[in-house]
């Protein structure tokens, strides 16, 4: 079996197992194993499936399907900065989409998208697919983006069923970043995600793209030379 096909299968298993455990299988497994037992199973399956995919990704030789224009470098860095800001904002403030019992007005990055963490993964995936033009990266990143997008849609459905008031949160926010601002459901001031998200995201962006990317991945982030 070609390695790229096997990578696609492993990536698909990671996505499918994650969605099954997060939604239809969650309740019966929690009833049988308890919350802690389910969390252990969930983590082991995720680590095993994604770990196997990443390990195979490392073994497949690099290739390029197209030459990425140099004009894409700065926009890609800007998008990655947005991804880091969304990620930091998602972990530094309670989010009704992620945590039960959280209510109130949308704030911070939630006013940009009600799924800031998942969209940080989607942006990461899209940037890396375009910038690397590498078949192995396209396969793996496509799985991450698919998991994030499908997972958020299913999450909205489940949250709305569990808590009808979540529909109010959905009405005030948007799934796609900035759409709630563009159609007037959020004011223009919502473009500012908050000081913690901006400073924390900028710091992580600088540290990871400036140094971490080279040491962890083995190559410098595309376009980083503009800042040197």
N, C-alpha and C. Protein backbone atom coordinates (compact mmCIF):
# COMPACT_ATOMS: atom_id res chain seq x y z
N UNK A 1 0.84 -1.20 0.00
CA UNK A 1 0.00 0.00 0.00
C UNK A 1 0.88 1.25 0.00
N UNK A 2 0.63 2.21 -0.91
CA UNK A 2 1.42 3.45 -0.91
C UNK A 2 1.33 4.17 0.42
N UNK A 3 2.46 4.75 0.82
CA UNK A 3 2.50 5.43 2.12
C UNK A 3 1.49 6.57 2.21
N UNK A 4 1.30 7.30 1.10
CA UNK A 4 0.37 8.43 1.13
C UNK A 4 -1.06 7.96 1.35
N UNK A 5 -1.41 6.82 0.75
CA UNK A 5 -2.75 6.25 0.96
C UNK A 5 -2.91 5.79 2.40
N UNK A 6 -1.88 5.16 2.94
CA UNK A 6 -1.93 4.72 4.33
C UNK A 6 -2.05 5.93 5.26
N UNK A 7 -1.36 7.01 4.94
CA UNK A 7 -1.47 8.22 5.75
C UNK A 7 -2.90 8.75 5.72
N UNK A 8 -3.54 8.69 4.55
CA UNK A 8 -4.93 9.12 4.44
C UNK A 8 -5.85 8.27 5.29
N UNK A 9 -5.59 6.95 5.32
CA UNK A 9 -6.41 6.04 6.12
C UNK A 9 -6.22 6.32 7.61
N UNK A 10 -4.98 6.49 8.03
CA UNK A 10 -4.70 6.77 9.45
C UNK A 10 -5.32 8.11 9.87
N UNK A 11 -5.21 9.10 8.99
CA UNK A 11 -5.80 10.41 9.29
C UNK A 11 -7.32 10.30 9.38
N UNK A 12 -7.90 9.53 8.46
CA UNK A 12 -9.34 9.31 8.50
C UNK A 12 -9.79 8.59 9.76
N UNK A 13 -9.00 7.63 10.21
CA UNK A 13 -9.32 6.92 11.45
C UNK A 13 -9.27 7.87 12.65
N UNK A 14 -8.28 8.78 12.63
CA UNK A 14 -8.19 9.76 13.71
C UNK A 14 -9.43 10.64 13.75
N UNK A 15 -9.85 11.13 12.59
CA UNK A 15 -11.03 12.00 12.52
C UNK A 15 -12.28 11.24 12.93
N UNK A 16 -12.47 10.03 12.36
CA UNK A 16 -13.67 9.25 12.63
C UNK A 16 -13.76 8.84 14.10
N UNK A 17 -12.65 8.38 14.66
CA UNK A 17 -12.67 7.94 16.06
C UNK A 17 -12.95 9.10 16.99
N UNK A 18 -12.41 10.26 16.67
CA UNK A 18 -12.63 11.44 17.50
C UNK A 18 -14.10 11.84 17.49
N UNK A 19 -14.70 11.86 16.30
CA UNK A 19 -16.11 12.25 16.20
C UNK A 19 -17.03 11.22 16.86
N UNK A 20 -16.72 9.94 16.69
CA UNK A 20 -17.54 8.90 17.30
C UNK A 20 -17.46 8.96 18.82
N UNK A 21 -16.26 9.15 19.35
CA UNK A 21 -16.10 9.21 20.80
C UNK A 21 -16.66 10.50 21.38
N UNK A 22 -16.63 11.57 20.60
CA UNK A 22 -17.12 12.85 21.10
C UNK A 22 -18.64 12.94 21.11
N UNK A 23 -19.31 12.14 20.27
CA UNK A 23 -20.75 12.30 20.12
C UNK A 23 -21.53 11.00 20.35
N UNK A 24 -21.72 10.11 19.36
CA UNK A 24 -22.61 8.96 19.61
C UNK A 24 -22.13 7.97 20.66
N UNK A 25 -20.82 7.80 20.78
CA UNK A 25 -20.30 6.80 21.72
C UNK A 25 -20.02 7.37 23.11
N UNK A 26 -20.07 8.67 23.25
CA UNK A 26 -19.67 9.28 24.52
C UNK A 26 -20.59 8.84 25.67
N UNK A 27 -21.88 9.01 25.50
CA UNK A 27 -22.82 8.71 26.60
C UNK A 27 -22.74 7.26 27.05
N UNK A 28 -22.79 6.27 26.12
CA UNK A 28 -22.71 4.88 26.59
C UNK A 28 -21.38 4.53 27.24
N UNK A 29 -20.29 5.11 26.74
CA UNK A 29 -18.99 4.81 27.34
C UNK A 29 -18.84 5.48 28.70
N UNK A 30 -19.36 6.68 28.86
CA UNK A 30 -19.31 7.34 30.16
C UNK A 30 -20.14 6.55 31.17
N UNK A 31 -21.29 6.04 30.74
CA UNK A 31 -22.14 5.26 31.63
C UNK A 31 -21.44 3.99 32.09
N UNK A 32 -20.61 3.43 31.22
CA UNK A 32 -19.92 2.18 31.56
C UNK A 32 -18.60 2.41 32.27
N UNK A 33 -17.85 3.43 31.84
CA UNK A 33 -16.49 3.64 32.34
C UNK A 33 -16.39 4.79 33.34
N UNK A 34 -17.39 5.66 33.37
CA UNK A 34 -17.28 6.88 34.18
C UNK A 34 -16.54 7.96 33.41
N UNK A 35 -16.64 9.19 33.89
CA UNK A 35 -16.00 10.30 33.19
C UNK A 35 -14.49 10.13 33.09
N UNK A 36 -13.84 9.71 34.19
CA UNK A 36 -12.39 9.55 34.16
C UNK A 36 -11.97 8.41 33.24
N UNK A 37 -12.70 7.31 33.31
CA UNK A 37 -12.38 6.19 32.44
C UNK A 37 -12.55 6.54 30.98
N UNK A 38 -13.63 7.27 30.68
CA UNK A 38 -13.85 7.70 29.30
C UNK A 38 -12.74 8.63 28.84
N UNK A 39 -12.33 9.56 29.72
CA UNK A 39 -11.27 10.50 29.36
C UNK A 39 -9.98 9.77 29.03
N UNK A 40 -9.69 8.70 29.77
CA UNK A 40 -8.48 7.91 29.51
C UNK A 40 -8.56 7.23 28.14
N UNK A 41 -9.71 6.60 27.88
CA UNK A 41 -9.90 5.92 26.59
C UNK A 41 -9.82 6.92 25.44
N UNK A 42 -10.51 8.04 25.62
CA UNK A 42 -10.54 9.09 24.60
C UNK A 42 -9.12 9.57 24.28
N UNK A 43 -8.34 9.83 25.32
CA UNK A 43 -6.97 10.33 25.14
C UNK A 43 -6.08 9.30 24.47
N UNK A 44 -6.21 8.04 24.89
CA UNK A 44 -5.37 6.98 24.32
C UNK A 44 -5.66 6.77 22.84
N UNK A 45 -6.95 6.77 22.48
CA UNK A 45 -7.32 6.59 21.08
C UNK A 45 -6.82 7.76 20.24
N UNK A 46 -6.98 8.98 20.75
CA UNK A 46 -6.53 10.16 20.02
C UNK A 46 -5.02 10.15 19.84
N UNK A 47 -4.29 9.84 20.92
CA UNK A 47 -2.83 9.82 20.84
C UNK A 47 -2.33 8.72 19.90
N UNK A 48 -2.96 7.56 19.98
CA UNK A 48 -2.53 6.44 19.14
C UNK A 48 -2.78 6.72 17.66
N UNK A 49 -3.99 7.19 17.33
CA UNK A 49 -4.34 7.40 15.93
C UNK A 49 -3.57 8.58 15.33
N UNK A 50 -3.53 9.69 16.05
CA UNK A 50 -2.83 10.85 15.52
C UNK A 50 -1.32 10.64 15.55
N UNK A 51 -0.84 9.99 16.60
CA UNK A 51 0.58 9.71 16.69
C UNK A 51 1.07 8.84 15.55
N UNK A 52 0.27 7.82 15.19
CA UNK A 52 0.65 6.95 14.08
C UNK A 52 0.68 7.74 12.77
N UNK A 53 -0.29 8.64 12.59
CA UNK A 53 -0.32 9.45 11.37
C UNK A 53 0.88 10.38 11.30
N UNK A 54 1.22 11.02 12.41
CA UNK A 54 2.37 11.94 12.43
C UNK A 54 3.67 11.18 12.19
N UNK A 55 3.79 10.01 12.78
CA UNK A 55 5.01 9.22 12.59
C UNK A 55 5.19 8.84 11.13
N UNK A 56 4.09 8.44 10.48
CA UNK A 56 4.18 8.10 9.06
C UNK A 56 4.46 9.35 8.24
N UNK A 57 3.86 10.48 8.60
CA UNK A 57 4.12 11.74 7.92
C UNK A 57 5.61 12.05 7.93
N UNK A 58 6.27 11.82 9.05
CA UNK A 58 7.71 12.09 9.15
C UNK A 58 8.52 11.19 8.22
N UNK A 59 8.03 9.99 7.96
CA UNK A 59 8.79 9.04 7.16
C UNK A 59 8.62 9.24 5.65
N UNK A 60 7.53 9.88 5.25
CA UNK A 60 7.27 10.10 3.83
C UNK A 60 8.16 11.23 3.33
N UNK A 61 8.87 11.05 2.22
CA UNK A 61 9.75 12.11 1.70
C UNK A 61 8.96 13.38 1.36
N UNK A 62 9.59 14.51 1.55
CA UNK A 62 8.96 15.78 1.21
C UNK A 62 8.83 15.90 -0.31
N UNK A 63 7.79 16.59 -0.74
CA UNK A 63 7.57 16.85 -2.17
C UNK A 63 6.82 18.17 -2.29
N UNK A 64 6.77 18.72 -3.50
CA UNK A 64 6.03 19.96 -3.74
C UNK A 64 5.18 19.79 -4.99
N UNK A 65 3.90 20.14 -4.87
CA UNK A 65 2.99 20.08 -6.00
C UNK A 65 2.95 21.38 -6.78
N UNK A 66 3.35 22.49 -6.14
CA UNK A 66 3.38 23.79 -6.80
C UNK A 66 4.40 24.67 -6.08
N UNK A 67 4.78 25.74 -6.74
CA UNK A 67 5.68 26.74 -6.15
C UNK A 67 4.82 27.85 -5.55
N UNK A 68 4.90 28.01 -4.25
CA UNK A 68 4.12 29.04 -3.58
C UNK A 68 4.72 30.41 -3.85
N UNK A 69 3.93 31.36 -4.37
CA UNK A 69 4.48 32.70 -4.64
C UNK A 69 5.02 33.36 -3.38
N UNK A 70 6.09 34.11 -3.53
CA UNK A 70 6.68 34.80 -2.39
C UNK A 70 5.71 35.82 -1.79
N UNK A 71 4.77 36.29 -2.60
CA UNK A 71 3.79 37.26 -2.11
C UNK A 71 2.84 36.66 -1.08
N UNK A 72 2.83 35.33 -0.96
CA UNK A 72 1.97 34.66 0.02
C UNK A 72 2.60 34.63 1.41
N UNK A 73 3.90 34.91 1.50
CA UNK A 73 4.59 34.70 2.77
C UNK A 73 4.06 35.59 3.89
N UNK A 74 4.00 36.88 3.65
CA UNK A 74 3.54 37.80 4.70
C UNK A 74 2.08 37.54 5.07
N UNK A 75 1.16 37.36 4.10
CA UNK A 75 -0.22 37.02 4.48
C UNK A 75 -0.32 35.74 5.30
N UNK A 76 0.53 34.75 4.98
CA UNK A 76 0.49 33.50 5.74
C UNK A 76 0.93 33.73 7.19
N UNK A 77 1.93 34.58 7.38
CA UNK A 77 2.37 34.90 8.74
C UNK A 77 1.29 35.66 9.49
N UNK A 78 0.58 36.54 8.79
CA UNK A 78 -0.51 37.29 9.43
C UNK A 78 -1.64 36.35 9.83
N UNK A 79 -1.96 35.39 8.98
CA UNK A 79 -3.00 34.42 9.31
C UNK A 79 -2.59 33.56 10.50
N UNK A 80 -1.32 33.19 10.56
CA UNK A 80 -0.86 32.41 11.70
C UNK A 80 -0.91 33.22 12.99
N UNK A 81 -0.66 34.53 12.90
CA UNK A 81 -0.81 35.39 14.07
C UNK A 81 -2.26 35.39 14.53
N UNK A 82 -3.19 35.48 13.59
CA UNK A 82 -4.61 35.41 13.94
C UNK A 82 -4.93 34.07 14.60
N UNK A 83 -4.36 32.98 14.07
CA UNK A 83 -4.61 31.65 14.65
C UNK A 83 -4.13 31.58 16.10
N UNK A 84 -2.96 32.12 16.36
CA UNK A 84 -2.44 32.12 17.73
C UNK A 84 -3.29 32.98 18.66
N UNK A 85 -3.76 34.12 18.16
CA UNK A 85 -4.62 34.99 18.97
C UNK A 85 -5.93 34.28 19.31
N UNK A 86 -6.53 33.64 18.32
CA UNK A 86 -7.76 32.90 18.57
C UNK A 86 -7.53 31.78 19.57
N UNK A 87 -6.40 31.08 19.44
CA UNK A 87 -6.12 29.97 20.35
C UNK A 87 -5.96 30.46 21.78
N UNK A 88 -5.15 31.48 21.97
CA UNK A 88 -4.93 32.02 23.32
C UNK A 88 -6.24 32.54 23.89
N UNK A 89 -7.01 33.25 23.07
CA UNK A 89 -8.29 33.76 23.54
C UNK A 89 -9.25 32.66 23.93
N UNK A 90 -9.14 31.50 23.27
CA UNK A 90 -10.06 30.39 23.56
C UNK A 90 -9.74 29.71 24.89
N UNK A 91 -8.50 29.79 25.34
CA UNK A 91 -8.11 29.10 26.58
C UNK A 91 -8.00 30.05 27.77
N UNK A 92 -8.22 31.33 27.54
CA UNK A 92 -8.09 32.29 28.64
C UNK A 92 -9.43 32.88 29.07
N UNK A 93 -10.52 32.43 28.45
CA UNK A 93 -11.86 32.91 28.84
C UNK A 93 -12.86 31.78 28.68
N UNK A 94 -13.81 31.63 29.59
CA UNK A 94 -14.83 30.57 29.48
C UNK A 94 -15.62 30.72 28.18
N UNK A 95 -15.88 29.61 27.53
CA UNK A 95 -16.59 29.62 26.25
C UNK A 95 -17.82 28.73 26.33
N UNK A 96 -19.03 29.26 26.09
CA UNK A 96 -20.25 28.44 26.14
C UNK A 96 -20.22 27.26 25.18
N UNK A 97 -19.47 27.39 24.08
CA UNK A 97 -19.39 26.30 23.11
C UNK A 97 -18.54 25.14 23.61
N UNK A 98 -17.69 25.39 24.61
CA UNK A 98 -16.76 24.37 25.08
C UNK A 98 -17.07 23.88 26.48
N UNK A 99 -17.73 24.72 27.30
CA UNK A 99 -17.91 24.39 28.71
C UNK A 99 -19.37 24.45 29.09
N UNK A 100 -19.88 23.42 29.80
CA UNK A 100 -21.27 23.45 30.24
C UNK A 100 -21.49 24.50 31.33
N UNK A 101 -22.67 25.09 31.31
CA UNK A 101 -23.04 26.02 32.37
C UNK A 101 -22.46 27.41 32.24
N UNK A 102 -21.80 27.71 31.11
CA UNK A 102 -21.24 29.03 30.89
C UNK A 102 -22.25 29.86 30.11
N UNK A 103 -22.63 31.01 30.65
CA UNK A 103 -23.63 31.86 30.02
C UNK A 103 -23.11 33.29 29.95
N UNK A 104 -23.97 34.19 29.49
CA UNK A 104 -23.60 35.59 29.44
C UNK A 104 -23.31 36.05 28.02
N UNK A 105 -23.01 37.33 27.91
CA UNK A 105 -22.72 37.93 26.61
C UNK A 105 -21.42 37.37 26.03
N UNK A 106 -21.36 37.17 24.71
CA UNK A 106 -20.10 36.78 24.08
C UNK A 106 -19.04 37.85 24.36
N UNK A 107 -17.81 37.40 24.58
CA UNK A 107 -16.75 38.35 24.85
C UNK A 107 -15.45 37.88 24.22
N UNK A 108 -14.53 38.83 24.07
CA UNK A 108 -13.22 38.49 23.51
C UNK A 108 -13.32 37.87 22.13
N UNK A 109 -12.58 36.80 21.93
CA UNK A 109 -12.54 36.16 20.62
C UNK A 109 -13.86 35.48 20.27
N UNK A 110 -14.73 35.25 21.25
CA UNK A 110 -16.04 34.65 20.95
C UNK A 110 -16.88 35.57 20.06
N UNK A 111 -16.60 36.86 20.12
CA UNK A 111 -17.33 37.79 19.27
C UNK A 111 -16.83 37.73 17.82
N UNK A 112 -15.64 37.17 17.63
CA UNK A 112 -15.11 36.96 16.28
C UNK A 112 -15.62 35.63 15.73
N UNK A 113 -15.56 34.59 16.53
CA UNK A 113 -16.11 33.28 16.19
C UNK A 113 -16.42 32.55 17.49
N UNK A 114 -17.53 31.83 17.52
CA UNK A 114 -17.85 31.11 18.76
C UNK A 114 -17.03 29.84 18.92
N UNK A 115 -16.20 29.54 17.93
CA UNK A 115 -15.32 28.37 18.02
C UNK A 115 -13.87 28.80 17.74
N UNK A 116 -13.31 29.66 18.57
CA UNK A 116 -11.98 30.20 18.28
C UNK A 116 -10.87 29.15 18.25
N UNK A 117 -10.91 28.17 19.16
CA UNK A 117 -9.85 27.16 19.16
C UNK A 117 -9.87 26.33 17.88
N UNK A 118 -11.06 25.88 17.49
CA UNK A 118 -11.15 25.06 16.30
C UNK A 118 -10.77 25.83 15.04
N UNK A 119 -11.13 27.11 15.00
CA UNK A 119 -10.75 27.90 13.84
C UNK A 119 -9.25 28.19 13.82
N UNK A 120 -8.61 28.21 14.98
CA UNK A 120 -7.15 28.35 14.97
C UNK A 120 -6.52 27.13 14.30
N UNK A 121 -7.10 25.95 14.51
CA UNK A 121 -6.61 24.74 13.85
C UNK A 121 -6.89 24.77 12.36
N UNK A 122 -8.07 25.26 11.97
CA UNK A 122 -8.42 25.34 10.55
C UNK A 122 -7.47 26.29 9.82
N UNK A 123 -7.22 27.44 10.42
CA UNK A 123 -6.31 28.40 9.79
C UNK A 123 -4.91 27.80 9.68
N UNK A 124 -4.45 27.14 10.75
CA UNK A 124 -3.14 26.47 10.70
C UNK A 124 -3.10 25.49 9.54
N UNK A 125 -4.15 24.67 9.40
CA UNK A 125 -4.18 23.65 8.36
C UNK A 125 -4.16 24.27 6.97
N UNK A 126 -4.97 25.28 6.73
CA UNK A 126 -5.04 25.90 5.41
C UNK A 126 -3.72 26.56 5.04
N UNK A 127 -3.13 27.27 5.99
CA UNK A 127 -1.85 27.93 5.72
C UNK A 127 -0.78 26.90 5.36
N UNK A 128 -0.74 25.81 6.09
CA UNK A 128 0.31 24.82 5.83
C UNK A 128 0.07 24.04 4.54
N UNK A 129 -1.18 23.83 4.17
CA UNK A 129 -1.46 23.19 2.89
C UNK A 129 -0.98 24.04 1.73
N UNK A 130 -1.28 25.34 1.79
CA UNK A 130 -0.91 26.25 0.70
C UNK A 130 0.59 26.49 0.67
N UNK A 131 1.20 26.71 1.83
CA UNK A 131 2.60 27.11 1.86
C UNK A 131 3.56 25.96 1.62
N UNK A 132 3.21 24.77 2.08
CA UNK A 132 4.13 23.64 1.88
C UNK A 132 3.96 23.00 0.51
N UNK A 133 2.72 22.99 0.00
CA UNK A 133 2.43 22.32 -1.27
C UNK A 133 2.90 20.86 -1.24
N UNK A 134 2.92 20.29 -0.06
CA UNK A 134 3.47 18.95 0.18
C UNK A 134 2.32 17.96 0.33
N UNK A 135 2.24 16.92 -0.51
CA UNK A 135 1.12 15.98 -0.45
C UNK A 135 0.90 15.38 0.94
N UNK A 136 1.96 15.01 1.62
CA UNK A 136 1.81 14.40 2.94
C UNK A 136 1.22 15.40 3.93
N UNK A 137 1.64 16.67 3.83
CA UNK A 137 1.11 17.70 4.73
C UNK A 137 -0.33 18.03 4.37
N UNK A 138 -0.65 18.04 3.09
CA UNK A 138 -2.02 18.32 2.66
C UNK A 138 -2.97 17.26 3.22
N UNK A 139 -2.56 16.01 3.19
CA UNK A 139 -3.40 14.92 3.70
C UNK A 139 -3.62 15.08 5.21
N UNK A 140 -2.53 15.27 5.95
CA UNK A 140 -2.63 15.37 7.41
C UNK A 140 -3.39 16.64 7.82
N UNK A 141 -3.06 17.76 7.20
CA UNK A 141 -3.72 19.02 7.55
C UNK A 141 -5.19 19.01 7.16
N UNK A 142 -5.53 18.34 6.07
CA UNK A 142 -6.94 18.23 5.67
C UNK A 142 -7.74 17.50 6.74
N UNK A 143 -7.13 16.49 7.34
CA UNK A 143 -7.81 15.77 8.42
C UNK A 143 -8.05 16.66 9.62
N UNK A 144 -7.05 17.47 9.97
CA UNK A 144 -7.20 18.38 11.11
C UNK A 144 -8.31 19.39 10.84
N UNK A 145 -8.32 19.97 9.63
CA UNK A 145 -9.34 20.95 9.28
C UNK A 145 -10.73 20.32 9.26
N UNK A 146 -10.84 19.12 8.71
CA UNK A 146 -12.13 18.43 8.67
C UNK A 146 -12.64 18.15 10.07
N UNK A 147 -11.76 17.67 10.92
CA UNK A 147 -12.15 17.37 12.30
C UNK A 147 -12.65 18.63 13.00
N UNK A 148 -11.94 19.73 12.82
CA UNK A 148 -12.31 20.99 13.47
C UNK A 148 -13.66 21.49 12.98
N UNK A 149 -13.88 21.47 11.66
CA UNK A 149 -15.11 22.02 11.12
C UNK A 149 -16.32 21.13 11.40
N UNK A 150 -16.17 19.84 11.17
CA UNK A 150 -17.28 18.92 11.44
C UNK A 150 -17.57 18.88 12.94
N UNK A 151 -16.51 18.86 13.73
CA UNK A 151 -16.69 18.81 15.18
C UNK A 151 -17.45 20.00 15.72
N UNK A 152 -17.16 21.20 15.19
CA UNK A 152 -17.86 22.39 15.69
C UNK A 152 -19.33 22.38 15.29
N UNK A 153 -19.63 21.92 14.10
CA UNK A 153 -21.02 21.85 13.67
C UNK A 153 -21.81 20.87 14.54
N UNK A 154 -21.22 19.72 14.81
CA UNK A 154 -21.88 18.74 15.67
C UNK A 154 -21.98 19.25 17.10
N UNK A 155 -20.98 20.00 17.52
CA UNK A 155 -20.98 20.57 18.86
C UNK A 155 -22.12 21.57 19.02
N UNK A 156 -22.34 22.40 18.01
CA UNK A 156 -23.45 23.36 18.06
C UNK A 156 -24.79 22.64 18.18
N UNK A 157 -24.95 21.57 17.41
CA UNK A 157 -26.21 20.82 17.45
C UNK A 157 -26.43 20.21 18.83
N UNK A 158 -25.39 19.60 19.38
CA UNK A 158 -25.51 18.95 20.69
C UNK A 158 -25.76 19.97 21.79
N UNK A 159 -25.03 21.09 21.76
CA UNK A 159 -25.21 22.11 22.79
C UNK A 159 -26.62 22.70 22.75
N UNK A 160 -27.14 22.90 21.55
CA UNK A 160 -28.48 23.47 21.41
C UNK A 160 -29.55 22.51 21.93
N UNK A 161 -29.31 21.20 21.71
CA UNK A 161 -30.25 20.19 22.22
C UNK A 161 -30.20 20.10 23.74
N UNK A 162 -29.01 20.19 24.29
CA UNK A 162 -28.84 20.08 25.73
C UNK A 162 -29.31 21.33 26.47
N UNK A 163 -29.13 22.48 25.84
CA UNK A 163 -29.45 23.74 26.49
C UNK A 163 -30.07 24.69 25.46
N UNK A 164 -31.40 24.82 25.44
CA UNK A 164 -32.07 25.67 24.44
C UNK A 164 -31.57 27.11 24.45
N UNK A 165 -31.07 27.59 25.60
CA UNK A 165 -30.59 28.97 25.65
C UNK A 165 -29.31 29.17 24.83
N UNK A 166 -28.67 28.06 24.46
CA UNK A 166 -27.46 28.16 23.63
C UNK A 166 -27.80 28.75 22.26
N UNK A 167 -29.07 28.61 21.85
CA UNK A 167 -29.49 29.20 20.58
C UNK A 167 -29.31 30.71 20.60
N UNK A 168 -29.48 31.32 21.77
CA UNK A 168 -29.27 32.76 21.89
C UNK A 168 -27.82 33.11 21.65
N UNK A 169 -26.92 32.29 22.20
CA UNK A 169 -25.49 32.51 21.98
C UNK A 169 -25.16 32.37 20.49
N UNK A 170 -25.76 31.38 19.84
CA UNK A 170 -25.52 31.19 18.41
C UNK A 170 -26.02 32.39 17.61
N UNK A 171 -27.16 32.94 18.03
CA UNK A 171 -27.73 34.08 17.30
C UNK A 171 -26.87 35.33 17.42
N UNK A 172 -26.11 35.43 18.51
CA UNK A 172 -25.28 36.62 18.72
C UNK A 172 -23.88 36.46 18.15
N UNK A 173 -23.53 35.26 17.75
CA UNK A 173 -22.17 34.99 17.27
C UNK A 173 -22.23 34.35 15.89
N UNK A 174 -21.07 34.04 15.35
CA UNK A 174 -21.00 33.36 14.06
C UNK A 174 -20.01 32.22 14.12
N UNK A 175 -20.27 31.21 13.32
CA UNK A 175 -19.32 30.10 13.22
C UNK A 175 -18.08 30.57 12.46
N UNK A 176 -18.29 31.12 11.28
CA UNK A 176 -17.17 31.61 10.47
C UNK A 176 -16.64 32.92 11.06
N UNK A 177 -15.34 33.04 11.24
CA UNK A 177 -14.78 34.26 11.85
C UNK A 177 -15.21 35.54 11.14
N UNK A 178 -15.58 36.53 11.94
CA UNK A 178 -15.91 37.89 11.51
C UNK A 178 -17.29 38.03 10.87
N UNK A 179 -18.01 36.95 10.61
CA UNK A 179 -19.31 37.06 9.94
C UNK A 179 -20.33 37.80 10.82
N UNK A 180 -20.28 37.57 12.14
CA UNK A 180 -21.23 38.25 13.02
C UNK A 180 -20.98 39.76 13.02
N UNK A 181 -19.74 40.16 12.81
CA UNK A 181 -19.42 41.58 12.73
C UNK A 181 -19.86 42.15 11.39
N UNK A 182 -19.64 41.40 10.32
CA UNK A 182 -20.00 41.87 8.99
C UNK A 182 -21.50 42.04 8.81
N UNK A 183 -22.30 41.15 9.45
CA UNK A 183 -23.75 41.27 9.27
C UNK A 183 -24.43 42.02 10.42
N UNK A 184 -23.63 42.66 11.27
CA UNK A 184 -24.19 43.56 12.27
C UNK A 184 -24.64 42.92 13.57
N UNK A 185 -24.40 41.62 13.75
CA UNK A 185 -24.78 41.00 15.02
C UNK A 185 -23.81 41.34 16.14
N UNK A 186 -22.62 41.76 15.76
CA UNK A 186 -21.63 42.24 16.71
C UNK A 186 -21.12 43.59 16.22
N UNK A 187 -20.77 44.51 17.13
CA UNK A 187 -20.28 45.82 16.72
C UNK A 187 -18.85 45.73 16.17
N UNK A 188 -18.42 46.80 15.54
CA UNK A 188 -17.05 46.84 15.01
C UNK A 188 -16.00 46.70 16.11
N UNK A 189 -16.37 47.09 17.32
CA UNK A 189 -15.43 46.97 18.44
C UNK A 189 -15.09 45.51 18.73
N UNK A 190 -15.89 44.58 18.22
CA UNK A 190 -15.62 43.16 18.42
C UNK A 190 -14.38 42.70 17.66
N UNK A 191 -13.89 43.54 16.75
CA UNK A 191 -12.65 43.20 16.05
C UNK A 191 -11.47 43.12 17.01
N UNK A 192 -11.58 43.81 18.15
CA UNK A 192 -10.52 43.76 19.16
C UNK A 192 -10.76 42.55 20.06
N UNK A 193 -9.91 41.53 20.00
CA UNK A 193 -10.15 40.30 20.75
C UNK A 193 -9.80 40.35 22.23
N UNK A 194 -9.17 41.43 22.66
CA UNK A 194 -8.77 41.54 24.06
C UNK A 194 -7.27 41.56 24.21
N UNK A 195 -6.79 42.26 25.24
CA UNK A 195 -5.34 42.44 25.42
C UNK A 195 -4.63 41.12 25.68
N UNK A 196 -5.22 40.26 26.51
CA UNK A 196 -4.57 38.98 26.84
C UNK A 196 -4.42 38.13 25.59
N UNK A 197 -5.48 38.05 24.78
CA UNK A 197 -5.42 37.25 23.56
C UNK A 197 -4.39 37.79 22.59
N UNK A 198 -4.35 39.11 22.44
CA UNK A 198 -3.42 39.71 21.49
C UNK A 198 -1.97 39.56 21.95
N UNK A 199 -1.69 39.92 23.19
CA UNK A 199 -0.32 39.82 23.69
C UNK A 199 0.14 38.37 23.78
N UNK A 200 -0.72 37.51 24.32
CA UNK A 200 -0.36 36.10 24.44
C UNK A 200 -0.19 35.45 23.08
N UNK A 201 -1.11 35.74 22.15
CA UNK A 201 -1.00 35.18 20.81
C UNK A 201 0.22 35.67 20.08
N UNK A 202 0.51 36.98 20.20
CA UNK A 202 1.69 37.53 19.53
C UNK A 202 2.98 36.93 20.09
N UNK A 203 3.03 36.73 21.40
CA UNK A 203 4.22 36.15 22.01
C UNK A 203 4.44 34.71 21.53
N UNK A 204 3.37 33.90 21.54
CA UNK A 204 3.51 32.52 21.07
C UNK A 204 3.86 32.48 19.59
N UNK A 205 3.24 33.36 18.81
CA UNK A 205 3.54 33.45 17.38
C UNK A 205 5.01 33.75 17.15
N UNK A 206 5.53 34.70 17.88
CA UNK A 206 6.92 35.09 17.73
C UNK A 206 7.87 33.97 18.16
N UNK A 207 7.57 33.36 19.30
CA UNK A 207 8.45 32.31 19.82
C UNK A 207 8.41 31.07 18.94
N UNK A 208 7.22 30.66 18.53
CA UNK A 208 7.14 29.41 17.78
C UNK A 208 7.61 29.57 16.34
N UNK A 209 7.17 30.63 15.67
CA UNK A 209 7.59 30.80 14.28
C UNK A 209 9.04 31.23 14.19
N UNK A 210 9.51 31.97 15.22
CA UNK A 210 10.89 32.43 15.18
C UNK A 210 11.90 31.36 15.52
N UNK A 211 11.56 30.48 16.48
CA UNK A 211 12.51 29.46 16.95
C UNK A 211 11.91 28.06 17.00
N UNK A 212 10.73 27.94 17.55
CA UNK A 212 10.16 26.61 17.75
C UNK A 212 9.95 25.84 16.47
N UNK A 213 9.55 26.52 15.42
CA UNK A 213 9.28 25.84 14.15
C UNK A 213 10.54 25.16 13.62
N UNK A 214 11.66 25.84 13.73
CA UNK A 214 12.93 25.28 13.25
C UNK A 214 13.34 24.07 14.07
N UNK A 215 13.22 24.16 15.40
CA UNK A 215 13.70 23.08 16.26
C UNK A 215 12.74 21.89 16.28
N UNK A 216 11.44 22.13 16.17
CA UNK A 216 10.47 21.04 16.24
C UNK A 216 10.21 20.40 14.88
N UNK A 217 10.15 21.22 13.84
CA UNK A 217 9.81 20.72 12.51
C UNK A 217 11.06 20.52 11.66
N UNK A 218 12.10 21.29 11.95
CA UNK A 218 13.35 21.15 11.19
C UNK A 218 13.54 22.17 10.09
N UNK A 219 12.56 23.05 9.87
CA UNK A 219 12.67 24.10 8.85
C UNK A 219 12.12 25.40 9.43
N UNK A 220 12.61 26.52 8.93
CA UNK A 220 12.10 27.81 9.37
C UNK A 220 10.72 28.04 8.76
N UNK A 221 9.90 28.80 9.47
CA UNK A 221 8.59 29.16 8.95
C UNK A 221 8.76 30.00 7.70
N UNK A 222 7.97 29.69 6.67
CA UNK A 222 8.08 30.40 5.40
C UNK A 222 7.85 31.89 5.60
N UNK A 223 8.75 32.71 5.09
CA UNK A 223 8.59 34.15 5.17
C UNK A 223 9.17 34.77 6.42
N UNK A 224 9.66 33.96 7.36
CA UNK A 224 10.18 34.54 8.60
C UNK A 224 11.41 35.41 8.37
N UNK A 225 12.08 35.19 7.26
CA UNK A 225 13.27 35.98 6.94
C UNK A 225 12.95 37.47 6.81
N UNK A 226 11.67 37.80 6.56
CA UNK A 226 11.29 39.21 6.47
C UNK A 226 11.50 39.93 7.80
N UNK A 227 11.52 39.18 8.91
CA UNK A 227 11.63 39.78 10.22
C UNK A 227 13.05 39.71 10.76
N UNK A 228 13.99 39.28 9.95
CA UNK A 228 15.37 39.12 10.39
C UNK A 228 16.25 40.19 9.75
